[in-house]
Protein backbone atom coordinates (compact mmCIF):
# COMPACT_ATOMS: atom_id res chain seq x y z
CA MET A 1 -15.43 -8.67 -31.19
CA ARG A 2 -14.66 -8.62 -35.01
CA THR A 3 -12.18 -11.00 -36.00
CA ALA A 4 -10.43 -12.42 -39.20
CA GLY A 5 -13.52 -12.21 -41.34
CA THR A 6 -13.23 -8.74 -42.22
CA ALA A 7 -12.69 -8.00 -45.91
CA GLU A 8 -10.88 -4.62 -45.77
CA ARG A 9 -7.09 -4.97 -44.63
CA THR A 10 -6.22 -1.35 -44.44
CA TYR A 11 -6.02 0.26 -41.08
CA ASP A 12 -4.74 3.47 -39.46
CA TYR A 13 -2.95 1.66 -36.57
CA ILE A 14 -1.68 -2.03 -36.50
CA VAL A 15 -0.76 -3.22 -33.09
CA VAL A 16 1.31 -6.43 -32.81
CA GLY A 17 0.70 -8.32 -29.51
CA ALA A 18 -2.51 -8.35 -27.31
CA GLY A 19 -0.61 -8.32 -24.01
CA SER A 20 -0.65 -5.64 -21.34
CA ALA A 21 0.40 -2.83 -23.45
CA GLY A 22 -1.37 -3.93 -26.67
CA CYS A 23 -4.84 -4.21 -24.92
CA VAL A 24 -4.31 -0.67 -23.77
CA LEU A 25 -3.44 0.69 -27.03
CA ALA A 26 -6.15 -1.09 -29.02
CA ALA A 27 -8.70 0.31 -26.62
CA ARG A 28 -7.51 3.84 -26.20
CA LEU A 29 -6.84 4.42 -30.09
CA SER A 30 -10.14 2.99 -30.95
CA GLU A 31 -11.91 5.31 -28.74
CA ASP A 32 -11.66 7.79 -31.86
CA PRO A 33 -14.45 6.48 -34.18
CA GLY A 34 -12.40 8.10 -37.06
CA VAL A 35 -9.51 5.56 -37.15
CA ARG A 36 -9.42 1.88 -37.75
CA VAL A 37 -7.36 -0.22 -35.51
CA ALA A 38 -6.30 -3.82 -35.81
CA LEU A 39 -4.74 -5.95 -33.05
CA VAL A 40 -2.85 -8.86 -33.97
CA GLU A 41 -2.23 -11.79 -31.54
CA SER A 42 -0.64 -15.13 -32.13
CA GLY A 43 -2.25 -16.88 -29.29
CA PRO A 44 -5.78 -18.16 -28.76
CA ARG A 45 -8.87 -16.37 -27.18
CA ASP A 46 -8.47 -16.21 -23.22
CA ARG A 47 -11.34 -18.92 -22.68
CA LYS A 48 -9.50 -21.30 -20.49
CA PRO A 49 -11.20 -21.55 -17.05
CA GLU A 50 -7.94 -21.65 -15.21
CA ILE A 51 -7.33 -18.10 -16.39
CA ARG A 52 -10.19 -16.79 -14.08
CA ILE A 53 -9.09 -18.86 -11.02
CA PRO A 54 -6.12 -16.80 -9.35
CA ALA A 55 -4.49 -19.81 -7.57
CA ALA A 56 -4.54 -21.85 -10.81
CA PHE A 57 -2.20 -19.65 -12.76
CA PRO A 58 0.75 -22.24 -12.73
CA LYS A 59 -1.57 -24.65 -14.46
CA LEU A 60 -1.32 -22.28 -17.59
CA PHE A 61 2.52 -22.64 -17.77
CA LYS A 62 3.75 -24.81 -20.58
CA THR A 63 0.27 -24.81 -22.28
CA ALA A 64 -1.06 -23.18 -25.45
CA TYR A 65 -1.37 -19.97 -23.39
CA ASP A 66 2.38 -19.82 -22.80
CA TRP A 67 5.12 -19.14 -25.21
CA ASP A 68 7.36 -21.53 -22.97
CA PHE A 69 10.58 -19.90 -23.74
CA THR A 70 14.09 -21.40 -22.49
CA THR A 71 17.08 -19.26 -21.89
CA ALA A 72 20.51 -20.02 -23.16
CA LYS A 73 22.70 -21.81 -20.70
CA GLN A 74 23.54 -19.56 -17.69
CA GLU A 75 27.30 -19.96 -16.67
CA ALA A 76 26.84 -18.36 -13.23
CA LEU A 77 23.77 -20.58 -12.56
CA GLY A 78 25.64 -23.76 -12.97
CA GLY A 79 25.15 -23.94 -16.73
CA ARG A 80 21.30 -24.18 -16.42
CA GLU A 81 18.83 -23.32 -19.09
CA LEU A 82 16.07 -21.52 -17.32
CA TYR A 83 12.38 -21.65 -18.11
CA TRP A 84 10.54 -18.30 -19.05
CA PRO A 85 6.89 -18.40 -19.35
CA ARG A 86 5.27 -15.75 -21.22
CA GLY A 87 1.62 -14.94 -21.92
CA HIS A 88 0.26 -16.27 -25.31
CA THR A 89 -3.30 -15.08 -25.32
CA LEU A 90 -5.55 -11.97 -25.14
CA GLY A 91 -4.09 -10.21 -22.24
CA GLY A 92 -0.66 -11.76 -22.63
CA SER A 93 1.26 -12.24 -19.42
CA SER A 94 -1.42 -10.44 -17.41
CA ALA A 95 -3.70 -13.48 -18.26
CA ILE A 96 -1.15 -16.08 -16.60
CA ASN A 97 0.72 -14.05 -13.96
CA ALA A 98 0.31 -13.66 -10.10
CA MET A 99 -1.76 -10.50 -10.73
CA MET A 100 0.41 -8.38 -8.45
CA TRP A 101 -0.25 -4.55 -8.91
CA VAL A 102 3.08 -3.04 -7.88
CA ARG A 103 3.98 0.39 -9.37
CA GLY A 104 7.57 0.44 -8.07
CA HIS A 105 9.50 3.33 -6.46
CA ARG A 106 9.88 6.96 -7.21
CA ALA A 107 13.60 6.39 -8.18
CA ASP A 108 12.63 3.90 -10.99
CA TYR A 109 10.77 6.53 -12.83
CA ASP A 110 13.18 9.35 -12.20
CA ALA A 111 15.90 7.11 -13.69
CA TRP A 112 13.70 6.93 -16.74
CA GLY A 113 13.41 10.58 -16.79
CA GLU A 114 17.24 11.02 -16.77
CA ALA A 115 17.30 8.68 -19.74
CA ALA A 116 14.29 9.95 -21.77
CA GLY A 117 13.37 13.37 -20.55
CA PRO A 118 11.36 14.90 -17.55
CA GLU A 119 8.05 13.73 -18.95
CA TRP A 120 9.00 10.12 -17.90
CA ALA A 121 9.97 11.09 -14.42
CA TYR A 122 7.86 10.06 -11.39
CA ASP A 123 5.87 13.32 -10.93
CA ALA A 124 4.72 13.53 -14.56
CA PHE A 125 4.37 9.80 -14.99
CA VAL A 126 2.38 8.75 -11.90
CA ARG A 127 -0.96 10.06 -13.27
CA TYR A 128 -0.93 7.28 -15.85
CA PHE A 129 -1.27 4.59 -13.15
CA ARG A 130 -4.21 6.45 -11.70
CA ARG A 131 -5.81 6.64 -15.27
CA ALA A 132 -5.62 2.90 -15.24
CA GLU A 133 -6.65 1.92 -11.82
CA ARG A 134 -10.12 1.08 -10.40
CA TRP A 135 -9.32 0.56 -6.68
CA THR A 136 -11.93 -1.26 -4.80
CA GLY A 137 -10.45 -1.35 -1.41
CA PRO A 138 -10.65 1.37 1.51
CA THR A 139 -9.85 4.69 0.03
CA PRO A 140 -8.40 7.33 2.42
CA LYS A 141 -8.85 10.81 1.59
CA ASP A 142 -5.41 11.09 0.32
CA SER A 143 -5.18 7.77 -1.52
CA VAL A 144 -2.53 7.16 -4.13
CA TYR A 145 -5.03 5.08 -6.22
CA GLY A 146 -7.28 6.00 -9.11
CA THR A 147 -10.88 4.60 -8.92
CA GLU A 148 -12.43 5.16 -12.25
CA GLY A 149 -10.02 3.24 -14.49
CA PRO A 150 -10.52 0.12 -16.53
CA LEU A 151 -8.21 -2.17 -14.49
CA TRP A 152 -9.81 -3.48 -11.10
CA VAL A 153 -7.13 -3.19 -8.40
CA SER A 154 -8.31 -5.00 -5.10
CA PRO A 155 -7.14 -6.23 -1.79
CA LEU A 156 -6.90 -9.84 -1.37
CA ARG A 157 -10.34 -11.22 -0.49
CA ASP A 158 -9.33 -14.13 1.64
CA PRO A 159 -5.68 -13.78 2.88
CA SER A 160 -4.06 -16.75 4.61
CA PRO A 161 -3.56 -16.69 8.32
CA LEU A 162 0.04 -17.37 7.63
CA THR A 163 0.21 -13.98 5.60
CA LEU A 164 -0.76 -12.18 8.72
CA ALA A 165 1.95 -13.95 10.54
CA PHE A 166 4.37 -12.83 7.84
CA LEU A 167 3.28 -9.21 8.42
CA ALA A 168 3.66 -9.63 12.22
CA ALA A 169 7.19 -10.95 11.54
CA CYS A 170 8.10 -8.05 9.50
CA HIS A 171 6.82 -5.65 12.24
CA ASP A 172 8.82 -7.63 14.74
CA ARG A 173 11.96 -7.16 12.55
CA GLY A 174 11.42 -3.43 12.59
CA LEU A 175 10.22 -2.89 9.03
CA THR A 176 7.70 -0.16 8.14
CA GLY A 177 4.15 -1.13 7.69
CA LEU A 178 2.73 0.45 4.58
CA ARG A 179 -0.94 1.68 4.57
CA GLU A 180 -0.76 1.67 0.61
CA LEU A 181 1.93 -0.22 -1.01
CA ASN A 182 1.91 1.84 -4.31
CA GLY A 183 2.91 5.17 -2.81
CA PRO A 184 6.16 6.82 -4.10
CA ASP A 185 8.40 5.06 -1.53
CA HIS A 186 7.39 1.49 -1.17
CA SER A 187 10.03 0.66 1.55
CA GLY A 188 8.42 -1.64 4.03
CA TYR A 189 5.90 -4.36 4.01
CA ALA A 190 2.04 -4.89 2.88
CA THR A 191 -0.22 -7.36 1.46
CA THR A 192 -0.31 -7.46 -2.23
CA PRO A 193 -2.67 -5.47 -4.32
CA VAL A 194 -4.07 -7.69 -7.05
CA ASN A 195 -5.74 -7.46 -10.45
CA GLN A 196 -9.02 -9.12 -9.51
CA ARG A 197 -12.77 -8.49 -9.69
CA LYS A 198 -14.74 -10.18 -6.99
CA GLY A 199 -12.02 -12.78 -6.33
CA ARG A 200 -11.37 -13.45 -10.18
CA ARG A 201 -8.46 -12.52 -12.28
CA TRP A 202 -9.00 -9.24 -14.16
CA SER A 203 -6.33 -9.02 -16.99
CA ALA A 204 -5.55 -6.29 -19.34
CA ALA A 205 -7.93 -8.00 -21.84
CA ASP A 206 -10.85 -7.93 -19.50
CA GLY A 207 -10.19 -4.29 -18.45
CA TYR A 208 -9.29 -2.68 -21.71
CA LEU A 209 -9.97 -5.11 -24.67
CA LYS A 210 -13.47 -6.48 -23.95
CA PRO A 211 -15.19 -3.17 -23.42
CA ALA A 212 -13.84 -2.03 -26.68
CA ALA A 213 -14.59 -5.20 -28.53
CA ARG A 214 -17.86 -4.10 -30.14
CA ARG A 215 -16.57 -1.04 -31.82
CA PRO A 216 -16.77 -1.32 -35.64
CA ASN A 217 -13.38 0.44 -36.17
CA LEU A 218 -11.37 -2.42 -34.02
CA ASP A 219 -10.64 -5.67 -35.41
CA VAL A 220 -8.95 -8.27 -33.24
CA PHE A 221 -7.09 -11.11 -34.93
CA THR A 222 -6.17 -14.28 -32.78
CA GLN A 223 -3.96 -17.09 -33.66
CA THR A 224 -2.37 -14.96 -36.33
CA ARG A 225 1.38 -14.76 -36.23
CA VAL A 226 3.18 -11.70 -37.52
CA ARG A 227 6.01 -13.11 -39.84
CA GLY A 228 7.63 -9.70 -40.88
CA LEU A 229 7.15 -5.93 -41.21
CA GLU A 230 6.59 -4.22 -44.62
CA PHE A 231 8.35 -1.24 -45.62
CA GLU A 232 8.35 1.49 -48.27
CA GLY A 233 11.75 2.93 -48.05
CA SER A 234 12.28 3.94 -44.23
CA ARG A 235 8.45 3.79 -43.63
CA ALA A 236 6.61 0.88 -42.00
CA THR A 237 3.44 0.28 -44.06
CA GLY A 238 2.10 -2.99 -42.55
CA VAL A 239 2.60 -6.51 -41.49
CA ARG A 240 2.79 -10.10 -43.08
CA THR A 241 0.86 -12.65 -41.24
CA GLN A 242 0.63 -16.36 -40.88
CA GLY A 243 -2.52 -18.15 -39.91
CA GLY A 244 -4.75 -15.15 -40.59
CA PRO A 245 -5.44 -12.37 -42.98
CA GLY A 246 -2.34 -12.21 -44.93
CA THR A 247 -0.88 -8.73 -45.39
CA LEU A 248 -2.33 -5.81 -43.38
CA THR A 249 -1.61 -2.17 -44.24
CA ALA A 250 -1.11 0.69 -41.89
CA ARG A 251 -1.87 4.13 -42.95
CA ARG A 252 -0.36 5.85 -39.88
CA GLU A 253 1.60 3.50 -37.78
CA VAL A 254 2.72 -0.08 -36.94
CA ILE A 255 2.99 -0.33 -33.30
CA LEU A 256 5.07 -3.43 -31.77
CA SER A 257 3.79 -4.60 -28.40
CA ALA A 258 5.17 -8.07 -28.55
CA GLY A 259 7.20 -7.73 -25.36
CA ALA A 260 10.81 -7.72 -24.46
CA ILE A 261 11.35 -10.80 -26.50
CA GLY A 262 9.08 -10.49 -29.40
CA SER A 263 9.54 -6.83 -30.38
CA PRO A 264 13.34 -6.91 -30.67
CA GLN A 265 13.03 -10.28 -32.68
CA LEU A 266 10.70 -8.38 -35.17
CA LEU A 267 12.97 -5.43 -35.27
CA MET A 268 15.90 -7.76 -36.08
CA LEU A 269 13.92 -9.85 -38.69
CA ALA A 270 13.33 -6.51 -40.48
CA GLY A 271 16.96 -5.67 -40.59
CA ILE A 272 17.00 -3.10 -37.63
CA GLY A 273 19.77 -4.04 -35.28
CA ASP A 274 23.29 -4.52 -34.84
CA PRO A 275 24.87 -4.80 -38.24
CA GLU A 276 27.40 -7.53 -37.47
CA ARG A 277 24.90 -9.76 -35.76
CA LEU A 278 22.24 -9.29 -38.49
CA ARG A 279 24.69 -10.18 -41.20
CA ALA A 280 25.97 -13.15 -39.08
CA ALA A 281 22.19 -14.45 -38.83
CA GLY A 282 21.71 -13.92 -42.67
CA VAL A 283 19.43 -10.75 -42.35
CA ASP A 284 19.95 -7.65 -44.68
CA VAL A 285 20.56 -4.42 -42.84
CA ARG A 286 17.83 -1.88 -43.04
CA VAL A 287 18.73 0.21 -39.97
CA ALA A 288 22.11 0.07 -37.99
CA SER A 289 20.75 0.12 -34.48
CA PRO A 290 23.34 -1.90 -32.23
CA ASP A 291 21.28 -1.72 -29.06
CA VAL A 292 18.29 -3.85 -30.48
CA GLY A 293 18.19 -6.68 -28.18
CA ARG A 294 20.86 -5.38 -25.66
CA HIS A 295 20.18 -4.19 -22.06
CA LEU A 296 18.10 -7.18 -21.29
CA GLN A 297 17.24 -7.08 -17.59
CA ASP A 298 15.10 -9.53 -15.59
CA HIS A 299 14.46 -10.20 -11.81
CA LEU A 300 16.15 -13.15 -10.58
CA ALA A 301 14.66 -14.77 -7.41
CA TYR A 302 15.60 -17.44 -5.10
CA ALA A 303 12.83 -19.49 -3.01
CA VAL A 304 13.50 -19.93 0.63
CA THR A 305 11.06 -22.84 1.17
CA VAL A 306 10.24 -24.43 4.61
CA ARG A 307 8.01 -27.01 5.90
CA CYS A 308 5.07 -26.28 7.98
CA PRO A 309 4.03 -28.68 10.70
CA SER A 310 0.30 -27.82 10.60
CA PRO A 311 -2.08 -28.45 7.56
CA VAL A 312 -2.78 -24.72 7.33
CA THR A 313 -1.02 -23.91 3.91
CA LEU A 314 -2.58 -23.75 0.45
CA THR A 315 -1.13 -27.23 -0.32
CA GLY A 316 -4.28 -29.52 -1.35
CA ALA A 317 -6.52 -26.37 -1.58
CA ASP A 318 -7.98 -27.40 -4.91
CA THR A 319 -10.75 -29.40 -3.49
CA LEU A 320 -14.29 -29.66 -4.81
CA PRO A 321 -15.75 -27.50 -1.69
CA ASN A 322 -13.10 -24.90 -2.14
CA LEU A 323 -14.00 -24.85 -5.92
CA GLY A 324 -17.63 -24.40 -5.17
CA ARG A 325 -16.81 -21.55 -2.60
CA PHE A 326 -14.96 -19.78 -5.56
CA LEU A 327 -17.50 -20.29 -8.30
CA LEU A 328 -20.49 -19.51 -6.09
CA ARG A 329 -19.01 -16.48 -4.19
CA GLY A 330 -15.68 -15.72 -5.36
CA ARG A 331 -14.23 -16.61 -1.85
CA GLY A 332 -11.84 -19.06 -0.42
CA PRO A 333 -8.24 -20.26 -0.98
CA LEU A 334 -8.42 -20.42 -4.75
CA THR A 335 -8.87 -16.46 -4.76
CA SER A 336 -5.17 -16.64 -3.58
CA ASN A 337 -2.47 -15.42 -5.85
CA LEU A 338 -0.06 -17.34 -3.93
CA ALA A 339 2.10 -14.13 -3.52
CA GLU A 340 -0.01 -12.57 -0.79
CA ALA A 341 2.38 -10.22 0.80
CA VAL A 342 5.70 -8.46 0.06
CA ALA A 343 8.40 -6.58 1.78
CA PHE A 344 10.89 -4.25 0.17
CA VAL A 345 14.08 -3.91 1.86
CA ARG A 346 17.66 -2.46 1.42
CA THR A 347 20.76 -4.63 1.63
CA ARG A 348 22.65 -1.44 2.75
CA PRO A 349 21.56 1.56 4.64
CA ASP A 350 22.91 4.01 2.33
CA LEU A 351 20.89 3.03 -0.73
CA VAL A 352 18.28 5.46 -2.00
CA ALA A 353 15.71 2.79 -2.48
CA PRO A 354 15.03 -0.93 -1.76
CA ASP A 355 17.10 -3.51 -3.87
CA ILE A 356 15.50 -6.68 -2.51
CA GLU A 357 11.77 -7.83 -2.50
CA LEU A 358 10.62 -10.57 -0.21
CA VAL A 359 7.42 -12.24 -1.58
CA PHE A 360 5.52 -14.41 0.87
CA ALA A 361 3.45 -17.32 -0.21
CA PRO A 362 1.46 -19.55 2.08
CA ALA A 363 2.59 -22.58 0.16
CA PRO A 364 5.76 -24.20 -1.02
CA PHE A 365 6.42 -22.57 -4.48
CA VAL A 366 9.18 -24.72 -6.32
CA ASP A 367 9.86 -25.26 -9.98
CA HIS A 368 7.47 -22.51 -11.00
CA GLY A 369 4.47 -24.45 -9.38
CA LEU A 370 4.64 -26.92 -12.22
CA THR A 371 4.72 -29.94 -9.74
CA PRO A 372 1.87 -29.55 -7.17
CA PRO A 373 3.23 -29.71 -3.69
CA THR A 374 2.75 -32.79 -1.72
CA GLU A 375 3.86 -31.33 1.62
CA HIS A 376 2.67 -28.36 3.78
CA GLY A 377 5.12 -25.50 3.66
CA LEU A 378 5.74 -21.68 2.97
CA THR A 379 7.85 -19.64 0.65
CA VAL A 380 9.73 -16.41 1.01
CA GLY A 381 10.90 -15.49 -2.49
CA VAL A 382 14.03 -13.47 -2.42
CA VAL A 383 13.91 -11.06 -5.45
CA LEU A 384 17.22 -9.11 -7.00
CA LEU A 385 15.34 -5.83 -7.84
CA GLN A 386 18.20 -3.88 -9.57
CA PRO A 387 20.65 -6.39 -11.13
CA ALA A 388 23.94 -4.78 -12.37
CA GLY A 389 24.19 -7.51 -14.90
CA GLU A 390 22.57 -7.44 -18.25
CA GLY A 391 21.84 -9.84 -21.08
CA ARG A 392 20.55 -9.78 -24.61
CA ILE A 393 18.16 -11.19 -27.21
CA ASP A 394 19.59 -12.45 -30.54
CA LEU A 395 17.98 -14.13 -33.46
CA GLY A 396 17.72 -17.73 -33.42
CA GLY A 397 17.11 -18.00 -37.24
CA THR A 398 15.61 -15.91 -40.12
CA ALA A 399 11.97 -17.26 -39.51
CA ALA A 400 9.61 -15.53 -36.95
CA THR A 401 8.55 -19.05 -35.67
CA THR A 402 12.28 -19.94 -34.66
CA PRO A 403 12.70 -18.94 -30.91
CA PRO A 404 15.36 -16.27 -30.45
CA ARG A 405 18.18 -16.70 -28.30
CA ILE A 406 17.69 -15.54 -24.72
CA ASP A 407 20.74 -14.83 -22.70
CA PRO A 408 19.73 -12.77 -19.46
CA GLY A 409 23.22 -12.63 -18.04
CA TYR A 410 22.24 -13.58 -14.63
CA LEU A 411 24.74 -12.95 -11.84
CA THR A 412 27.38 -11.82 -14.36
CA ALA A 413 27.86 -8.78 -12.15
CA GLU A 414 29.88 -9.55 -8.98
CA ASP A 415 27.70 -7.73 -6.57
CA ASP A 416 24.58 -9.25 -7.57
CA LEU A 417 25.14 -12.57 -5.87
CA ARG A 418 26.14 -10.89 -2.69
CA ARG A 419 23.02 -8.84 -2.54
CA LEU A 420 20.92 -11.88 -3.11
CA LEU A 421 22.64 -13.77 -0.18
CA VAL A 422 21.82 -10.65 1.89
CA GLY A 423 18.20 -10.95 0.96
CA VAL A 424 18.13 -14.74 1.85
CA ARG A 425 19.63 -13.77 5.35
CA ARG A 426 16.83 -11.36 5.76
CA ALA A 427 14.28 -13.92 4.86
CA GLU A 428 15.80 -16.41 7.30
CA GLN A 429 15.50 -13.79 10.01
CA LEU A 430 11.89 -13.19 9.35
CA LEU A 431 11.29 -17.03 9.53
CA ALA A 432 13.14 -17.16 12.87
CA THR A 433 10.83 -14.58 14.53
CA PRO A 434 8.17 -15.93 17.03
CA ALA A 435 5.32 -14.99 14.64
CA LEU A 436 6.58 -17.48 12.04
CA ALA A 437 8.82 -19.85 13.80
CA GLU A 438 5.76 -21.80 15.02
CA HIS A 439 4.87 -22.50 11.54
CA VAL A 440 8.46 -23.56 10.36
CA SER A 441 9.74 -27.26 10.85
CA GLY A 442 12.91 -27.20 8.76
CA PRO A 443 14.06 -26.54 5.37
CA LEU A 444 12.26 -27.93 2.30
CA ALA A 445 14.54 -28.77 -0.86
CA PRO A 446 16.07 -27.19 -2.82
CA TYR A 447 16.69 -24.67 0.16
CA PRO A 448 19.26 -26.22 2.24
CA GLY A 449 18.43 -24.27 5.64
CA VAL A 450 20.54 -21.92 7.48
CA VAL A 451 24.21 -22.77 6.13
CA ASP A 452 27.39 -20.94 5.69
CA ASP A 453 27.78 -18.31 2.80
CA GLU A 454 29.66 -20.75 0.38
CA THR A 455 27.09 -23.51 0.56
CA LEU A 456 24.23 -20.88 0.28
CA ALA A 457 25.77 -19.29 -2.67
CA ALA A 458 26.00 -22.85 -4.35
CA ALA A 459 22.36 -23.33 -3.54
CA VAL A 460 21.33 -20.04 -5.20
CA ARG A 461 23.33 -20.77 -8.35
CA GLY A 462 21.58 -24.05 -8.40
CA SER A 463 18.04 -23.31 -8.08
CA ALA A 464 17.50 -19.53 -8.62
CA GLU A 465 14.83 -18.78 -11.23
CA SER A 466 13.30 -15.88 -13.22
CA LEU A 467 10.51 -13.74 -11.83
CA TYR A 468 9.28 -13.31 -15.13
CA HIS A 469 9.94 -9.51 -15.59
CA PRO A 470 12.23 -9.22 -18.79
CA VAL A 471 12.63 -5.52 -20.04
CA GLY A 472 14.92 -3.08 -21.79
CA THR A 473 15.66 -4.71 -25.01
CA CYS A 474 14.42 -1.63 -27.15
CA ARG A 475 15.14 0.90 -24.61
CA MET A 476 14.10 4.43 -25.09
CA GLY A 477 16.35 7.31 -24.52
CA ALA A 478 17.25 10.89 -25.46
CA ASP A 479 20.64 9.56 -26.83
CA GLN A 480 20.99 8.63 -30.57
CA GLY A 481 22.22 5.15 -29.51
CA SER A 482 18.71 4.32 -27.96
CA VAL A 483 16.52 2.00 -30.09
CA THR A 484 13.45 4.30 -29.45
CA ASP A 485 13.22 7.96 -28.98
CA PRO A 486 11.36 9.51 -25.80
CA ARG A 487 8.13 9.27 -27.83
CA LEU A 488 8.85 5.59 -28.53
CA ARG A 489 9.48 5.92 -32.16
CA VAL A 490 11.97 3.62 -33.64
CA ARG A 491 14.95 5.55 -34.69
CA GLY A 492 15.90 5.40 -38.24
CA THR A 493 12.41 4.62 -39.29
CA GLU A 494 9.00 6.23 -39.81
CA GLY A 495 5.61 4.97 -38.84
CA LEU A 496 7.03 2.49 -36.48
CA ARG A 497 6.87 2.61 -32.71
CA VAL A 498 7.55 0.02 -29.79
CA VAL A 499 5.31 0.20 -26.78
CA ASP A 500 5.85 -2.45 -24.13
CA ALA A 501 8.21 -3.30 -21.40
CA SER A 502 11.16 -3.60 -23.97
CA VAL A 503 11.37 0.19 -23.93
CA MET A 504 12.06 0.59 -20.19
CA PRO A 505 15.49 2.17 -19.84
CA ARG A 506 15.82 0.33 -16.31
CA ILE A 507 13.97 -2.31 -14.64
CA THR A 508 11.62 -1.22 -11.81
CA ARG A 509 11.86 -2.19 -8.20
CA GLY A 510 8.76 -4.32 -8.40
CA HIS A 511 6.53 -6.20 -10.90
CA THR A 512 6.47 -5.05 -14.56
CA HIS A 513 2.57 -5.28 -15.32
CA ALA A 514 1.44 -2.05 -13.71
CA PRO A 515 4.60 0.02 -15.16
CA THR A 516 3.68 -1.67 -18.67
CA VAL A 517 0.04 -0.56 -18.52
CA ALA A 518 0.88 2.89 -17.46
CA LEU A 519 3.46 3.19 -20.11
CA ALA A 520 1.11 2.23 -22.90
CA GLU A 521 -1.42 4.72 -21.42
CA LYS A 522 1.16 7.59 -21.85
CA ALA A 523 2.06 6.09 -25.37
CA ALA A 524 -1.68 6.19 -26.51
CA GLU A 525 -1.65 9.77 -25.63
CA LEU A 526 1.72 10.37 -27.53
CA ILE A 527 0.31 8.58 -30.61
CA ARG A 528 -2.66 10.77 -30.65
CA GLU A 529 -0.71 13.88 -30.22
CA ASP A 530 1.53 13.05 -33.17
CA ALA A 531 -1.42 12.13 -35.32
CA ARG A 532 -2.66 15.78 -34.82
């Protein structure tokens, strides 16, 4: 992998951010030996051993591999400021997440098609998932998965017996068992497909970037912060960096892949955004684009945690024998991604698609896993998939190193809390089934147990947390008010594109890594078409 020692500082494409999208773009664009590509990442190389160990991902939180963001106080959550981990290394959040490969529902992409054109609707978009996937499990003749892509997608190697009990509970409650979770309609339950190869994490950097690293036309700059964008008139011509090579020049395009927080921040620092807010922050207006930073959506989750009377959970699984099993054979409890199974359910029968996800973990997952559990327990995470409320990103200052102001607007829409409460009741019903009840011996704080709606609502407001899926702050659309057009070009500029979860017009019903990778696969195709 060529790094910052290169003398030449002019490239055809400069990609800012080596996360899920940036790794895809760097690999796909550099397949053409006639172009030069620079990938600029502010974090370090992905060398920390915990990155490889699936169950160790919480140990990466609040380290040098995490941006460690904090939201503004959330009035609907008791005035709390919430922790937002985001990946800060090669692979981005795919290097520190729970490795869940969940495409979402057909309705998600049909909504994108309504916003940005039919090429973004499900039937046209689904091929980009298959292009990315290398499925390693049983493959029925009509399997939805791709089998030759860069990203390994695998069944769990050693699921917990408690996970099998959760699946049995879903069956007993009348939910639909899914042969493959990632079909067009994921209503039902299944074990979680994961980005792992032989039991080890397989990030976007592993799948895309590292195979491309020896190409002479790809330079990767790590620990290099982009301080701002360079322009000639309305055309983006390069980036200014800190801790790296200085100014890099782009002959064709600058592509922001810095995520739903970083990409709008860089646009606003360049004077692209809401004129009133830019002037208030002390930034000269280059392009009036009021939607930059707006339409922020995220999945809010509440953990239903209960005690387990037997020592059969993942609590205390990080023993030397288990580490040996993992290192020697890629087996054992350390291959767990914690979120071992899911169920997608509707809070009302008239809904066209699920609006709640139930995520099962055979361990108590509290406070983001930052405090190792001392008791045996299990968790059913209740996730609000389609929040009606929205938030926004604003500048925190005029320097790129100043964290932006993050206001997710959690539970600002009246119906969001009601749907979360319905989801908690569904989780409680599953825990009460014979299949799971024998493994439950009472609530584990902060979950209060089965209580009245008013008490439960207070508990949700007091301890609900992010599921780490921010999107929408540079939304694409066919309308002139969108930040990016259907080809992901920034309106009002030339040579500037955004390719990451920030361009999603609507959050998906699931986890955002897979949609981001597929989106970047499509974007690479669009960029090559535009170059021709």
